Amino acid sequence: MTAGRLVVVHPDAGVLAEAVAARLLTRILDVQSVRSPVHVVVTGGTVGIRTLAAMASNPVLGAVDWSGVHLWWGDERFLRDGDPDRNETQAREALVDALVASHGLPAGNVHPMPGPSAVATPEEAAQAYAAELATFGSPVPAFDVLLLGMGPDGHVASLFPGHEGLDAIGATVGVHGSPKPPPERVSLTFETIRAAREVWLVVNGADKAGQAAAALAGGDLHEVPAAGAVGSERTLWLVDAAAAGR
């Protein structure tokens, strides 16, 4: 345990993705034994999508009552529907479309962030997503699990070091000038992230070891945004050995 955060180290990125997939499926089942619906926030990035793909092939997948699960996103690139760089597109290919087609997940329980196919600006997308979130809670549903990746600079979702979005008020924020392309994005705010019951940071790679150590040491979120990602009940850092190197 480090500053209220539980750190679990896995030997490599492949095992990490498989372990997180199994952990998430088990967590959904555990929550469904006491309440419904279950609200889960998924993440993009290499290890995030690899985790969703690992869920698709896990035999426990069929034990979940997917009709009682809602899927949300922590952030999205402001790109048109179907763009291969959208987190939604990658998640659908890895898992979500199969859940809808074959496992009883209602299409209406999938909540992607809108892009320029539907709205004109990231701010409009953020407002629309905030309104959708508010229909399931006040101001947002109490997410049962919120998954996040972390970049080598310590960013989570689309909240980057030194960026004004770090201090955004409200459920969501439109992002401009992202240091990582594309420059326009939509993101949950720290206010929303911290409303989750459990926040899981899934981190792999030696290039992230320094920022992981800084975040776990309680660094300033303006310098290491991942330091501000905490759940109301539990915060898990699920990392591979390379990311745990510092």
C-alpha atoms as a PDB file:
ATOM      1  CA  MET A   1       0.000   0.000   0.000  1.00  0.00           C
ATOM      2  CA  THR A   2       1.403   3.403  -1.028  1.00  0.00           C
ATOM      3  CA  ALA A   3      -0.380   6.608   0.005  1.00  0.00           C
ATOM      4  CA  GLY A   4      -3.736   4.824   0.007  1.00  0.00           C
ATOM      5  CA  ARG A   5      -3.058   3.122  -3.309  1.00  0.00           C
ATOM      6  CA  LEU A   6      -2.651  -0.623  -3.768  1.00  0.00           C
ATOM      7  CA  VAL A   7       0.054  -1.565  -6.269  1.00  0.00           C
ATOM      8  CA  VAL A   8      -0.064  -4.958  -7.996  1.00  0.00           C
ATOM      9  CA  VAL A   9       2.917  -5.863 -10.203  1.00  0.00           C
ATOM     10  CA  HIS A  10       2.704  -8.318 -13.116  1.00  0.00           C
ATOM     11  CA  PRO A  11       5.678  -9.737 -15.006  1.00  0.00           C
ATOM     12  CA  ASP A  12       4.942  -8.245 -18.426  1.00  0.00           C
ATOM     13  CA  ALA A  13       2.342  -6.386 -20.474  1.00  0.00           C
ATOM     14  CA  GLY A  14       0.703  -9.561 -21.766  1.00  0.00           C
ATOM     15  CA  VAL A  15       0.116 -10.987 -18.318  1.00  0.00           C
ATOM     16  CA  LEU A  16      -1.001  -7.549 -17.133  1.00  0.00           C
ATOM     17  CA  ALA A  17      -3.755  -7.365 -19.762  1.00  0.00           C
ATOM     18  CA  GLU A  18      -4.958 -10.899 -19.041  1.00  0.00           C
ATOM     19  CA  ALA A  19      -4.937 -10.294 -15.282  1.00  0.00           C
ATOM     20  CA  VAL A  20      -6.815  -6.995 -15.531  1.00  0.00           C
ATOM     21  CA  ALA A  21      -9.393  -8.625 -17.808  1.00  0.00           C
ATOM     22  CA  ALA A  22      -9.984 -11.409 -15.292  1.00  0.00           C
ATOM     23  CA  ARG A  23     -10.070  -8.944 -12.393  1.00  0.00           C
ATOM     24  CA  LEU A  24     -12.612  -6.718 -14.147  1.00  0.00           C
ATOM     25  CA  LEU A  25     -14.938  -9.567 -15.052  1.00  0.00           C
ATOM     26  CA  THR A  26     -14.785 -10.826 -11.479  1.00  0.00           C
ATOM     27  CA  ARG A  27     -15.451  -7.353 -10.134  1.00  0.00           C
ATOM     28  CA  ILE A  28     -18.507  -6.933 -12.359  1.00  0.00           C
ATOM     29  CA  LEU A  29     -19.858 -10.265 -11.130  1.00  0.00           C
ATOM     30  CA  ASP A  30     -19.231  -9.291  -7.517  1.00  0.00           C
ATOM     31  CA  VAL A  31     -21.063  -5.980  -7.948  1.00  0.00           C
ATOM     32  CA  GLN A  32     -23.970  -7.659  -9.708  1.00  0.00           C
ATOM     33  CA  SER A  33     -24.479  -9.849  -6.662  1.00  0.00           C
ATOM     34  CA  VAL A  34     -25.427  -6.755  -4.624  1.00  0.00           C
ATOM     35  CA  ARG A  35     -26.727  -4.104  -7.038  1.00  0.00           C
ATOM     36  CA  SER A  36     -27.614  -3.266 -10.618  1.00  0.00           C
ATOM     37  CA  PRO A  37     -26.861  -1.682 -12.992  1.00  0.00           C
ATOM     38  CA  VAL A  38     -23.063  -1.752 -13.025  1.00  0.00           C
ATOM     39  CA  HIS A  39     -21.264   1.260 -14.506  1.00  0.00           C
ATOM     40  CA  VAL A  40     -17.782   0.743 -15.955  1.00  0.00           C
ATOM     41  CA  VAL A  41     -15.498   3.289 -17.604  1.00  0.00           C
ATOM     42  CA  VAL A  42     -13.099   1.805 -20.152  1.00  0.00           C
ATOM     43  CA  THR A  43      -9.878   3.289 -21.463  1.00  0.00           C
ATOM     44  CA  GLY A  44      -8.004   3.295 -24.745  1.00  0.00           C
ATOM     45  CA  GLY A  45      -4.303   2.923 -25.407  1.00  0.00           C
ATOM     46  CA  THR A  46      -2.377  -0.230 -26.180  1.00  0.00           C
ATOM     47  CA  VAL A  47      -2.805  -1.966 -22.840  1.00  0.00           C
ATOM     48  CA  GLY A  48      -6.395  -0.750 -22.417  1.00  0.00           C
ATOM     49  CA  ILE A  49      -7.525  -2.226 -25.732  1.00  0.00           C
ATOM     50  CA  ARG A  50      -5.427  -5.339 -25.114  1.00  0.00           C
ATOM     51  CA  THR A  51      -7.331  -5.777 -21.855  1.00  0.00           C
ATOM     52  CA  LEU A  52     -10.682  -5.587 -23.645  1.00  0.00           C
ATOM     53  CA  ALA A  53      -9.491  -8.161 -26.178  1.00  0.00           C
ATOM     54  CA  ALA A  54      -8.422 -10.429 -23.307  1.00  0.00           C
ATOM     55  CA  MET A  55     -11.909 -10.104 -21.814  1.00  0.00           C
ATOM     56  CA  ALA A  56     -13.408 -11.240 -25.113  1.00  0.00           C
ATOM     57  CA  SER A  57     -11.568 -14.555 -24.886  1.00  0.00           C
ATOM     58  CA  ASN A  58     -12.015 -15.094 -21.147  1.00  0.00           C
ATOM     59  CA  PRO A  59     -14.490 -17.882 -20.290  1.00  0.00           C
ATOM     60  CA  VAL A  60     -15.921 -15.804 -17.437  1.00  0.00           C
ATOM     61  CA  LEU A  61     -17.336 -13.361 -20.018  1.00  0.00           C
ATOM     62  CA  GLY A  62     -20.468 -15.463 -20.364  1.00  0.00           C
ATOM     63  CA  ALA A  63     -21.165 -15.437 -16.630  1.00  0.00           C
ATOM     64  CA  VAL A  64     -21.802 -11.678 -16.603  1.00  0.00           C
ATOM     65  CA  ASP A  65     -25.340 -10.378 -17.060  1.00  0.00           C
ATOM     66  CA  TRP A  66     -24.394  -7.803 -19.674  1.00  0.00           C
ATOM     67  CA  SER A  67     -27.966  -6.503 -19.839  1.00  0.00           C
ATOM     68  CA  GLY A  68     -27.225  -4.819 -16.512  1.00  0.00           C
ATOM     69  CA  VAL A  69     -23.906  -3.206 -17.477  1.00  0.00           C
ATOM     70  CA  HIS A  70     -23.295   0.302 -18.818  1.00  0.00           C
ATOM     71  CA  LEU A  71     -20.033   1.141 -20.580  1.00  0.00           C
ATOM     72  CA  TRP A  72     -18.561   4.647 -20.611  1.00  0.00           C
ATOM     73  CA  TRP A  73     -15.304   6.219 -21.802  1.00  0.00           C
ATOM     74  CA  GLY A  74     -12.796   8.269 -19.835  1.00  0.00           C
ATOM     75  CA  ASP A  75     -11.733  10.315 -22.834  1.00  0.00           C
ATOM     76  CA  GLU A  76     -11.948  10.405 -26.591  1.00  0.00           C
ATOM     77  CA  ARG A  77     -10.162  11.887 -29.556  1.00  0.00           C
ATOM     78  CA  PHE A  78     -12.438  14.417 -31.275  1.00  0.00           C
ATOM     79  CA  LEU A  79     -12.644  12.449 -34.509  1.00  0.00           C
ATOM     80  CA  ARG A  80     -15.508  11.295 -36.683  1.00  0.00           C
ATOM     81  CA  ASP A  81     -17.444   8.121 -35.882  1.00  0.00           C
ATOM     82  CA  GLY A  82     -15.610   5.050 -37.086  1.00  0.00           C
ATOM     83  CA  ASP A  83     -12.203   6.693 -37.256  1.00  0.00           C
ATOM     84  CA  PRO A  84      -9.647   3.985 -36.424  1.00  0.00           C
ATOM     85  CA  ASP A  85      -7.932   6.298 -33.940  1.00  0.00           C
ATOM     86  CA  ARG A  86     -11.047   6.731 -31.805  1.00  0.00           C
ATOM     87  CA  ASN A  87     -10.982   4.845 -28.515  1.00  0.00           C
ATOM     88  CA  GLU A  88     -14.574   3.830 -29.211  1.00  0.00           C
ATOM     89  CA  THR A  89     -13.712   2.282 -32.575  1.00  0.00           C
ATOM     90  CA  GLN A  90     -10.879   0.231 -31.107  1.00  0.00           C
ATOM     91  CA  ALA A  91     -12.972  -0.869 -28.132  1.00  0.00           C
ATOM     92  CA  ARG A  92     -15.841  -1.946 -30.360  1.00  0.00           C
ATOM     93  CA  GLU A  93     -13.519  -4.057 -32.473  1.00  0.00           C
ATOM     94  CA  ALA A  94     -11.840  -5.618 -29.427  1.00  0.00           C
ATOM     95  CA  LEU A  95     -14.948  -6.400 -27.366  1.00  0.00           C
ATOM     96  CA  VAL A  96     -17.984  -4.145 -27.379  1.00  0.00           C
ATOM     97  CA  ASP A  97     -19.557  -5.100 -30.715  1.00  0.00           C
ATOM     98  CA  ALA A  98     -19.346  -8.783 -29.755  1.00  0.00           C
ATOM     99  CA  LEU A  99     -21.041  -8.067 -26.417  1.00  0.00           C
ATOM    100  CA  VAL A 100     -23.903  -6.338 -28.220  1.00  0.00           C
ATOM    101  CA  ALA A 101     -24.211  -9.003 -30.917  1.00  0.00           C
ATOM    102  CA  SER A 102     -23.842 -12.148 -28.830  1.00  0.00           C
ATOM    103  CA  HIS A 103     -23.895 -11.497 -25.091  1.00  0.00           C
ATOM    104  CA  GLY A 104     -26.976  -9.372 -24.459  1.00  0.00           C
ATOM    105  CA  LEU A 105     -25.378  -5.964 -23.937  1.00  0.00           C
ATOM    106  CA  PRO A 106     -28.046  -3.458 -25.028  1.00  0.00           C
ATOM    107  CA  ALA A 107     -26.740  -1.012 -27.626  1.00  0.00           C
ATOM    108  CA  GLY A 108     -28.232   1.758 -25.504  1.00  0.00           C
ATOM    109  CA  ASN A 109     -25.969   0.778 -22.612  1.00  0.00           C
ATOM    110  CA  VAL A 110     -22.901   1.757 -24.654  1.00  0.00           C
ATOM    111  CA  HIS A 111     -22.122   5.431 -24.141  1.00  0.00           C
ATOM    112  CA  PRO A 112     -19.419   6.748 -26.508  1.00  0.00           C
ATOM    113  CA  MET A 113     -18.355  10.364 -26.410  1.00  0.00           C
ATOM    114  CA  PRO A 114     -19.684  12.266 -29.443  1.00  0.00           C
ATOM    115  CA  GLY A 115     -17.316  13.547 -32.110  1.00  0.00           C
ATOM    116  CA  PRO A 116     -17.566  15.909 -35.093  1.00  0.00           C
ATOM    117  CA  SER A 117     -20.066  13.566 -36.764  1.00  0.00           C
ATOM    118  CA  ALA A 118     -22.593  14.788 -34.169  1.00  0.00           C
ATOM    119  CA  VAL A 119     -21.370  18.108 -32.719  1.00  0.00           C
ATOM    120  CA  ALA A 120     -19.241  21.021 -33.846  1.00  0.00           C
ATOM    121  CA  THR A 121     -16.712  21.429 -31.020  1.00  0.00           C
ATOM    122  CA  PRO A 122     -15.111  19.517 -28.158  1.00  0.00           C
ATOM    123  CA  GLU A 123     -17.014  21.781 -25.778  1.00  0.00           C
ATOM    124  CA  GLU A 124     -20.337  20.740 -27.288  1.00  0.00           C
ATOM    125  CA  ALA A 125     -19.265  17.111 -27.054  1.00  0.00           C
ATOM    126  CA  ALA A 126     -18.337  17.594 -23.403  1.00  0.00           C
ATOM    127  CA  GLN A 127     -21.696  19.226 -22.656  1.00  0.00           C
ATOM    128  CA  ALA A 128     -23.589  16.426 -24.397  1.00  0.00           C
ATOM    129  CA  TYR A 129     -21.672  13.759 -22.502  1.00  0.00           C
ATOM    130  CA  ALA A 130     -22.199  15.533 -19.193  1.00  0.00           C
ATOM    131  CA  ALA A 131     -25.941  15.585 -19.893  1.00  0.00           C
ATOM    132  CA  GLU A 132     -25.927  11.857 -20.680  1.00  0.00           C
ATOM    133  CA  LEU A 133     -23.972  11.078 -17.513  1.00  0.00           C
ATOM    134  CA  ALA A 134     -26.449  13.108 -15.474  1.00  0.00           C
ATOM    135  CA  THR A 135     -29.330  10.893 -16.588  1.00  0.00           C
ATOM    136  CA  PHE A 136     -27.758   8.078 -14.537  1.00  0.00           C
ATOM    137  CA  GLY A 137     -26.637  10.025 -11.475  1.00  0.00           C
ATOM    138  CA  SER A 138     -26.160  13.460  -9.977  1.00  0.00           C
ATOM    139  CA  PRO A 139     -23.986  14.785 -11.499  1.00  0.00           C
ATOM    140  CA  VAL A 140     -22.599  11.436 -12.711  1.00  0.00           C
ATOM    141  CA  PRO A 141     -23.236   7.768 -11.928  1.00  0.00           C
ATOM    142  CA  ALA A 142     -21.119   6.288  -9.142  1.00  0.00           C
ATOM    143  CA  PHE A 143     -18.887   4.286 -11.450  1.00  0.00           C
ATOM    144  CA  ASP A 144     -18.114   0.849 -10.052  1.00  0.00           C
ATOM    145  CA  VAL A 145     -14.790   0.672 -11.889  1.00  0.00           C
ATOM    146  CA  LEU A 146     -13.050   3.431 -13.830  1.00  0.00           C
ATOM    147  CA  LEU A 147     -10.082   2.244 -15.883  1.00  0.00           C
ATOM    148  CA  LEU A 148      -7.279   4.613 -16.818  1.00  0.00           C
ATOM    149  CA  GLY A 149      -4.035   4.274 -18.676  1.00  0.00           C
ATOM    150  CA  MET A 150      -1.103   6.613 -18.092  1.00  0.00           C
ATOM    151  CA  GLY A 151       1.211   8.228 -20.607  1.00  0.00           C
ATOM    152  CA  PRO A 152       4.986   8.617 -20.207  1.00  0.00           C
ATOM    153  CA  ASP A 153       4.325  12.247 -19.207  1.00  0.00           C
ATOM    154  CA  GLY A 154       1.975  11.122 -16.428  1.00  0.00           C
ATOM    155  CA  HIS A 155      -1.246  12.127 -18.163  1.00  0.00           C
ATOM    156  CA  VAL A 156      -4.474  10.217 -17.582  1.00  0.00           C
ATOM    157  CA  ALA A 157      -7.589  10.370 -19.760  1.00  0.00           C
ATOM    158  CA  SER A 158      -6.864  13.556 -21.758  1.00  0.00           C
ATOM    159  CA  LEU A 159      -5.661  15.542 -18.741  1.00  0.00           C
ATOM    160  CA  PHE A 160      -2.089  16.577 -19.533  1.00  0.00           C
ATOM    161  CA  PRO A 161       0.616  18.153 -17.330  1.00  0.00           C
ATOM    162  CA  GLY A 162       0.265  21.916 -17.137  1.00  0.00           C
ATOM    163  CA  HIS A 163      -2.995  21.900 -19.102  1.00  0.00           C
ATOM    164  CA  GLU A 164      -5.959  24.026 -18.013  1.00  0.00           C
ATOM    165  CA  GLY A 165      -8.197  20.946 -18.115  1.00  0.00           C
ATOM    166  CA  LEU A 166      -6.571  19.752 -14.890  1.00  0.00           C
ATOM    167  CA  ASP A 167      -8.594  22.311 -12.945  1.00  0.00           C
ATOM    168  CA  ALA A 168     -11.809  22.019 -14.933  1.00  0.00           C
ATOM    169  CA  ILE A 169     -15.053  22.171 -12.962  1.00  0.00           C
ATOM    170  CA  GLY A 170     -17.936  19.910 -13.881  1.00  0.00           C
ATOM    171  CA  ALA A 171     -18.231  16.409 -15.252  1.00  0.00           C
ATOM    172  CA  THR A 172     -16.405  16.760 -18.566  1.00  0.00           C
ATOM    173  CA  VAL A 173     -14.085  19.105 -20.427  1.00  0.00           C
ATOM    174  CA  GLY A 174     -13.250  19.896 -24.033  1.00  0.00           C
ATOM    175  CA  VAL A 175      -9.515  19.751 -24.679  1.00  0.00           C
ATOM    176  CA  HIS A 176      -7.561  21.862 -27.157  1.00  0.00           C
ATOM    177  CA  GLY A 177      -3.845  21.882 -27.821  1.00  0.00           C
ATOM    178  CA  SER A 178      -3.198  18.337 -26.635  1.00  0.00           C
ATOM    179  CA  PRO A 179       0.555  17.650 -26.781  1.00  0.00           C
ATOM    180  CA  LYS A 180      -0.348  14.217 -28.125  1.00  0.00           C
ATOM    181  CA  PRO A 181      -2.230  14.203 -31.443  1.00  0.00           C
ATOM    182  CA  PRO A 182      -4.947  14.820 -32.257  1.00  0.00           C
ATOM    183  CA  PRO A 183      -5.024  18.209 -30.538  1.00  0.00           C
ATOM    184  CA  GLU A 184      -8.785  18.228 -29.891  1.00  0.00           C
ATOM    185  CA  ARG A 185     -10.261  15.778 -27.394  1.00  0.00           C
ATOM    186  CA  VAL A 186     -12.969  15.289 -24.776  1.00  0.00           C
ATOM    187  CA  SER A 187     -12.247  14.072 -21.257  1.00  0.00           C
ATOM    188  CA  LEU A 188     -13.783  13.318 -17.921  1.00  0.00           C
ATOM    189  CA  THR A 189     -12.546  15.737 -15.267  1.00  0.00           C
ATOM    190  CA  PHE A 190     -10.830  14.854 -12.014  1.00  0.00           C
ATOM    191  CA  GLU A 191     -14.109  15.702 -10.299  1.00  0.00           C
ATOM    192  CA  THR A 192     -15.745  12.850 -12.211  1.00  0.00           C
ATOM    193  CA  ILE A 193     -12.807  10.467 -11.895  1.00  0.00           C
ATOM    194  CA  ARG A 194     -12.827  10.871  -8.125  1.00  0.00           C
ATOM    195  CA  ALA A 195     -16.546  10.100  -8.005  1.00  0.00           C
ATOM    196  CA  ALA A 196     -15.799   6.512  -9.056  1.00  0.00           C
ATOM    197  CA  ARG A 197     -15.933   3.867  -6.358  1.00  0.00           C
ATOM    198  CA  GLU A 198     -12.802   2.233  -7.735  1.00  0.00           C
ATOM    199  CA  VAL A 199     -10.140   3.735 -10.004  1.00  0.00           C
ATOM    200  CA  TRP A 200      -7.733   1.317 -11.674  1.00  0.00           C
ATOM    201  CA  LEU A 201      -4.603   2.641 -13.362  1.00  0.00           C
ATOM    202  CA  VAL A 202      -3.257   0.099 -15.843  1.00  0.00           C
ATOM    203  CA  VAL A 203       0.333   0.994 -16.686  1.00  0.00           C
ATOM    204  CA  ASN A 204       3.042  -0.795 -18.612  1.00  0.00           C
ATOM    205  CA  GLY A 205       6.497   0.042 -19.907  1.00  0.00           C
ATOM    206  CA  ALA A 206       9.808   1.300 -18.550  1.00  0.00           C
ATOM    207  CA  ASP A 207       9.178   4.729 -20.100  1.00  0.00           C
ATOM    208  CA  LYS A 208       6.425   5.248 -17.526  1.00  0.00           C
ATOM    209  CA  ALA A 209       8.331   4.113 -14.450  1.00  0.00           C
ATOM    210  CA  GLY A 210       9.465   7.574 -13.393  1.00  0.00           C
ATOM    211  CA  GLN A 211       6.022   9.145 -13.554  1.00  0.00           C
ATOM    212  CA  ALA A 212       4.433   6.156 -11.878  1.00  0.00           C
ATOM    213  CA  ALA A 213       6.857   6.523  -8.980  1.00  0.00           C
ATOM    214  CA  ALA A 214       6.198  10.269  -8.800  1.00  0.00           C
ATOM    215  CA  ALA A 215       2.428   9.765  -8.779  1.00  0.00           C
ATOM    216  CA  LEU A 216       2.609   7.102  -6.084  1.00  0.00           C
ATOM    217  CA  ALA A 217       4.804   9.409  -4.018  1.00  0.00           C
ATOM    218  CA  GLY A 218       1.988  11.964  -3.999  1.00  0.00           C
ATOM    219  CA  GLY A 219       3.284  14.352  -6.647  1.00  0.00           C
ATOM    220  CA  ASP A 220       1.479  17.516  -7.750  1.00  0.00           C
ATOM    221  CA  LEU A 221      -1.242  16.584 -10.228  1.00  0.00           C
ATOM    222  CA  HIS A 222      -0.337  19.656 -12.314  1.00  0.00           C
ATOM    223  CA  GLU A 223       3.029  18.006 -12.940  1.00  0.00           C
ATOM    224  CA  VAL A 224       1.965  14.363 -12.695  1.00  0.00           C
ATOM    225  CA  PRO A 225      -1.771  14.180 -13.423  1.00  0.00           C
ATOM    226  CA  ALA A 226      -1.948  10.490 -12.492  1.00  0.00           C
ATOM    227  CA  ALA A 227      -1.354  11.536  -8.879  1.00  0.00           C
ATOM    228  CA  GLY A 228      -4.872  12.985  -8.844  1.00  0.00           C
ATOM    229  CA  ALA A 229      -6.598   9.825 -10.047  1.00  0.00           C
ATOM    230  CA  VAL A 230      -8.079   8.236  -6.938  1.00  0.00           C
ATOM    231  CA  GLY A 231     -11.297   6.355  -6.256  1.00  0.00           C
ATOM    232  CA  SER A 232     -13.708   7.081  -3.425  1.00  0.00           C
ATOM    233  CA  GLU A 233     -13.341   3.528  -2.077  1.00  0.00           C
ATOM    234  CA  ARG A 234     -10.251   2.023  -3.674  1.00  0.00           C
ATOM    235  CA  THR A 235      -7.403   2.918  -6.009  1.00  0.00           C
ATOM    236  CA  LEU A 236      -5.460   0.171  -7.774  1.00  0.00           C
ATOM    237  CA  TRP A 237      -2.234   0.549  -9.702  1.00  0.00           C
ATOM    238  CA  LEU A 238      -2.007  -2.506 -11.934  1.00  0.00           C
ATOM    239  CA  VAL A 239       1.439  -2.387 -13.524  1.00  0.00           C
ATOM    240  CA  ASP A 240       3.996  -4.544 -15.257  1.00  0.00           C
ATOM    241  CA  ALA A 241       7.499  -5.053 -13.880  1.00  0.00           C
ATOM    242  CA  ALA A 242       8.984  -2.495 -16.257  1.00  0.00           C
ATOM    243  CA  ALA A 243       6.614   0.264 -15.090  1.00  0.00           C
ATOM    244  CA  ALA A 244       7.372  -0.688 -11.473  1.00  0.00           C
ATOM    245  CA  GLY A 245      11.101  -0.297 -12.006  1.00  0.00           C
ATOM    246  CA  ARG A 246      11.379   2.949 -10.051  1.00  0.00           C
END
